[in-house]
Structure formats: C-alpha cells, structure tokens
C-alpha cells in the first residue's frame, strides 16, 4: 500500500532533487572545467545533464511529483518537452558539425598528447551519452504524460 505524501513534502522532495541534479551535473562536467577546456557547447552539455537526470527521475518517480494530479501541468509538459527537444537537437548538430569539421583535438591543444586524448574521449562520450539520453527521455516523457492524463480522465483521479 502506498503511503500518502503531502504536497508540502512533495515540493520539498522536488527542490532537493533539483539541487542534487544540478550538483551532480556540475560534478560530471568538473573534469572539463578543471582542464581549462574552452568548450563553447558547455551550456548545452550542462542542459543535457540536467534534462536527462530530471526527466529520468520523472519517468521513474512521477507518483511523488507535485504535478501528479495537475492536468494543466501535464499538458504544459506535453507541449514544452517537444520544444526543448528541438532545441536539444540543435546542440547535437552543433557538436557533430564541430567534431567533423574542426575536430575536438583543437580544444585540448594546450594539454600534452596523452591527457588531451583522454579529455577528447571523455568529452565525446559524455556529450553523446547525455544528449541522446535526454532526447530519449524527452520522447518517453511525452507518452508518459499522455498516459497519465488518460488514466486521470478514465479513473477520475
């Protein structure tokens, strides 16, 4: 049997989770920041980390979210997630275009070869993991909200 959680506690949980998401995202980007890599797509990279962690948390723990019973909140998510999807696609396109035309090695010219190779590998893998993961979670989130609205309408919750 599920235990009822008050709206006040749900809001507190959401705030704590959002702060933890931002801290965890910064920890993921810490190697890039410490190496003094002038990565112009760092805001996109940070956004991908936050979006992936947040939407994945929503997919798994929607029952504990403050907007669980809000039809307006769900409809807003249904329409805002595709807009963010296209913005995130632009970040992937910019990254792939830069990687193919200029090369990631130009970002780490100030480092020695072995360290530079490590950071190029880390940057590429981390960027692609979080960008593709956030896009997948965005698509799944739309279906989750439609299903949630349908269940709310059908069962009059």
Foldseek 3Di string as FASTA:
>chain_A
DDDDDDLVVLVVVVVVQLVVQLVVLCVLCVVVVVLVFPDVLVVLLSVLSSLLSVLVCCVVPVVSHSCLLPLVVLVCLLVVLVVVLVVLVVSVVVVVVCCVPPNQLVRNPVPDDVVSVVVSVSVVVSSVVSSVSSNVSSVVSNVVSVVSVVCCVVVVD
